[in-house]
Amino acid sequence: MPTEFRFRLNGEIMPEIYIQRALVDGEPVGEWEIAVDIDYLDGRFTLDDNSNLWDPALPQFVLEYRDEAAWDLIPLEICRTMKDKGWNRVTPLELVGILQAAGAIRVQHE
C-alpha cells in the first residue's frame, strides 16, 4: 500500500512542503531543509528546529505529519478516541529522514 503523507504547521494543513538545500551563489549547500509557502505571508520560508531562539517564550514552529494510509487502517472507533488523531510532531530534519525512509523522496548525499 503506498504511503500518503499529510503535513501541518502550527495546526494548519500545508498542501505542499518543499525539500531543499540553501542556495549560496546559486549552489545548493548544507543540510536538507523543509520550506513552506504561506499565502498571507506572501512567500516561501524555511522551517528550523527552534533550537536557536533567544527567548523560550517566543512562538515556535510545530511541524507534524500523518501517514494517511496507516491512519485509514485504524478502526474508526479507535480513531475517535485517539487524542493526537494520528499526528506526529517532528523536527524538519526528522521529517526529511521519515520521508526518505518511506521512499517518498530520494535524497542524494554529496
C-alpha atoms as a PDB file:
ATOM      1  CA  MET A   1       0.000   0.000   0.000  1.00  0.00           C
ATOM      2  CA  PRO A   2       1.511   3.367  -0.987  1.00  0.00           C
ATOM      3  CA  THR A   3       2.194   5.840   1.781  1.00  0.00           C
ATOM      4  CA  GLU A   4       0.424   9.164   1.645  1.00  0.00           C
ATOM      5  CA  PHE A   5       1.545  11.911   3.976  1.00  0.00           C
ATOM      6  CA  ARG A   6      -0.271  14.979   5.208  1.00  0.00           C
ATOM      7  CA  PHE A   7       1.512  17.865   6.931  1.00  0.00           C
ATOM      8  CA  ARG A   8       0.566  20.533   9.457  1.00  0.00           C
ATOM      9  CA  LEU A   9       2.386  23.627  10.597  1.00  0.00           C
ATOM     10  CA  ASN A  10       1.125  25.167  13.833  1.00  0.00           C
ATOM     11  CA  GLY A  11      -2.125  23.236  13.407  1.00  0.00           C
ATOM     12  CA  GLU A  12      -2.766  24.354   9.811  1.00  0.00           C
ATOM     13  CA  ILE A  13      -2.736  21.839   6.947  1.00  0.00           C
ATOM     14  CA  MET A  14       0.061  22.550   4.476  1.00  0.00           C
ATOM     15  CA  PRO A  15      -0.980  21.491   0.959  1.00  0.00           C
ATOM     16  CA  GLU A  16       2.686  21.351  -0.087  1.00  0.00           C
ATOM     17  CA  ILE A  17       6.075  21.268   1.523  1.00  0.00           C
ATOM     18  CA  TYR A  18       9.403  21.665  -0.224  1.00  0.00           C
ATOM     19  CA  ILE A  19      12.559  19.696   0.500  1.00  0.00           C
ATOM     20  CA  GLN A  20      15.527  21.791  -0.481  1.00  0.00           C
ATOM     21  CA  ARG A  21      19.007  22.915   0.404  1.00  0.00           C
ATOM     22  CA  ALA A  22      20.020  26.514   0.943  1.00  0.00           C
ATOM     23  CA  LEU A  23      21.392  28.229  -2.156  1.00  0.00           C
ATOM     24  CA  VAL A  24      24.633  30.171  -1.839  1.00  0.00           C
ATOM     25  CA  ASP A  25      25.796  31.802  -5.052  1.00  0.00           C
ATOM     26  CA  GLY A  26      23.315  29.589  -6.892  1.00  0.00           C
ATOM     27  CA  GLU A  27      24.774  26.357  -5.467  1.00  0.00           C
ATOM     28  CA  PRO A  28      22.916  24.085  -3.023  1.00  0.00           C
ATOM     29  CA  VAL A  29      24.788  23.767   0.285  1.00  0.00           C
ATOM     30  CA  GLY A  30      24.243  22.455   3.796  1.00  0.00           C
ATOM     31  CA  GLU A  31      21.628  20.161   5.270  1.00  0.00           C
ATOM     32  CA  TRP A  32      18.300  19.405   3.648  1.00  0.00           C
ATOM     33  CA  GLU A  33      15.566  21.681   4.919  1.00  0.00           C
ATOM     34  CA  ILE A  34      11.785  21.948   4.825  1.00  0.00           C
ATOM     35  CA  ALA A  35      10.184  25.043   3.318  1.00  0.00           C
ATOM     36  CA  VAL A  36       6.529  26.064   3.016  1.00  0.00           C
ATOM     37  CA  ASP A  37       4.524  28.656   1.111  1.00  0.00           C
ATOM     38  CA  ILE A  38       2.039  30.617   3.172  1.00  0.00           C
ATOM     39  CA  ASP A  39      -0.255  32.893   1.189  1.00  0.00           C
ATOM     40  CA  TYR A  40      -0.820  35.502   3.877  1.00  0.00           C
ATOM     41  CA  LEU A  41       2.957  35.796   4.441  1.00  0.00           C
ATOM     42  CA  ASP A  42       3.460  36.175   0.703  1.00  0.00           C
ATOM     43  CA  GLY A  43       6.290  33.791   0.126  1.00  0.00           C
ATOM     44  CA  ARG A  44       8.261  30.675   0.875  1.00  0.00           C
ATOM     45  CA  PHE A  45      10.257  30.308   4.059  1.00  0.00           C
ATOM     46  CA  THR A  46      12.261  27.534   5.662  1.00  0.00           C
ATOM     47  CA  LEU A  47      11.456  25.932   8.978  1.00  0.00           C
ATOM     48  CA  ASP A  48      14.060  25.436  11.641  1.00  0.00           C
ATOM     49  CA  ASP A  49      14.107  23.244  14.725  1.00  0.00           C
ATOM     50  CA  ASN A  50      13.555  26.157  17.150  1.00  0.00           C
ATOM     51  CA  SER A  51      16.907  25.452  18.809  1.00  0.00           C
ATOM     52  CA  ASN A  52      18.349  28.965  18.469  1.00  0.00           C
ATOM     53  CA  LEU A  53      15.524  31.049  19.909  1.00  0.00           C
ATOM     54  CA  TRP A  54      16.975  33.675  22.211  1.00  0.00           C
ATOM     55  CA  ASP A  55      13.826  33.650  24.352  1.00  0.00           C
ATOM     56  CA  PRO A  56      11.997  30.363  25.096  1.00  0.00           C
ATOM     57  CA  ALA A  57       8.742  32.321  25.329  1.00  0.00           C
ATOM     58  CA  LEU A  58       8.863  33.112  21.590  1.00  0.00           C
ATOM     59  CA  PRO A  59       6.400  31.199  19.406  1.00  0.00           C
ATOM     60  CA  GLN A  60       7.846  28.031  17.906  1.00  0.00           C
ATOM     61  CA  PHE A  61       7.133  26.085  14.763  1.00  0.00           C
ATOM     62  CA  VAL A  62       5.087  22.975  15.434  1.00  0.00           C
ATOM     63  CA  LEU A  63       5.631  20.683  12.443  1.00  0.00           C
ATOM     64  CA  GLU A  64       3.560  17.500  12.270  1.00  0.00           C
ATOM     65  CA  TYR A  65       2.906  14.720   9.790  1.00  0.00           C
ATOM     66  CA  ARG A  66       0.378  11.934   9.482  1.00  0.00           C
ATOM     67  CA  ASP A  67       0.669   8.798   7.384  1.00  0.00           C
ATOM     68  CA  GLU A  68      -2.829   8.780   5.879  1.00  0.00           C
ATOM     69  CA  ALA A  69      -2.554   5.201   4.587  1.00  0.00           C
ATOM     70  CA  ALA A  70      -1.745   3.919   8.093  1.00  0.00           C
ATOM     71  CA  TRP A  71      -4.404   6.168   9.656  1.00  0.00           C
ATOM     72  CA  ASP A  72      -7.049   4.696   7.336  1.00  0.00           C
ATOM     73  CA  LEU A  73      -6.240   1.189   8.625  1.00  0.00           C
ATOM     74  CA  ILE A  74      -7.105   2.069  12.226  1.00  0.00           C
ATOM     75  CA  PRO A  75     -10.705   1.189  13.140  1.00  0.00           C
ATOM     76  CA  LEU A  76     -12.965   4.251  13.359  1.00  0.00           C
ATOM     77  CA  GLU A  77     -13.902   3.631  16.995  1.00  0.00           C
ATOM     78  CA  ILE A  78     -10.214   3.737  17.948  1.00  0.00           C
ATOM     79  CA  CYS A  79      -9.536   6.824  15.795  1.00  0.00           C
ATOM     80  CA  ARG A  80     -12.251   8.696  17.637  1.00  0.00           C
ATOM     81  CA  THR A  81     -10.561   8.084  20.978  1.00  0.00           C
ATOM     82  CA  MET A  82      -7.014   8.976  19.928  1.00  0.00           C
ATOM     83  CA  LYS A  83      -6.007  12.315  21.375  1.00  0.00           C
ATOM     84  CA  ASP A  84      -3.388  13.101  18.694  1.00  0.00           C
ATOM     85  CA  LYS A  85      -5.592  11.904  15.803  1.00  0.00           C
ATOM     86  CA  GLY A  86      -2.556  10.239  14.260  1.00  0.00           C
ATOM     87  CA  TRP A  87      -0.439  13.408  14.057  1.00  0.00           C
ATOM     88  CA  ASN A  88       3.257  13.066  14.929  1.00  0.00           C
ATOM     89  CA  ARG A  89       5.363  16.066  15.930  1.00  0.00           C
ATOM     90  CA  VAL A  90       8.797  16.194  14.263  1.00  0.00           C
ATOM     91  CA  THR A  91      11.686  18.495  13.509  1.00  0.00           C
ATOM     92  CA  PRO A  92      12.320  19.384   9.870  1.00  0.00           C
ATOM     93  CA  LEU A  93      15.410  17.137   9.766  1.00  0.00           C
ATOM     94  CA  GLU A  94      13.457  14.214  11.278  1.00  0.00           C
ATOM     95  CA  LEU A  95      10.739  14.678   8.650  1.00  0.00           C
ATOM     96  CA  VAL A  96      13.290  14.532   5.820  1.00  0.00           C
ATOM     97  CA  GLY A  97      14.523  11.217   7.261  1.00  0.00           C
ATOM     98  CA  ILE A  98      11.000   9.823   7.588  1.00  0.00           C
ATOM     99  CA  LEU A  99      10.098  10.762   4.013  1.00  0.00           C
ATOM    100  CA  GLN A 100      13.343   9.270   2.739  1.00  0.00           C
ATOM    101  CA  ALA A 101      12.844   6.022   4.692  1.00  0.00           C
ATOM    102  CA  ALA A 102       9.297   5.733   3.331  1.00  0.00           C
ATOM    103  CA  GLY A 103      10.545   6.151  -0.234  1.00  0.00           C
ATOM    104  CA  ALA A 104       8.556   9.361  -0.688  1.00  0.00           C
ATOM    105  CA  ILE A 105      11.723  11.274  -1.575  1.00  0.00           C
ATOM    106  CA  ARG A 106      15.245  10.427  -2.689  1.00  0.00           C
ATOM    107  CA  VAL A 107      17.989  12.425  -1.099  1.00  0.00           C
ATOM    108  CA  GLN A 108      21.359  12.366  -2.828  1.00  0.00           C
ATOM    109  CA  HIS A 109      24.239  12.845  -0.431  1.00  0.00           C
ATOM    110  CA  GLU A 110      27.238  14.727  -1.700  1.00  0.00           C
END
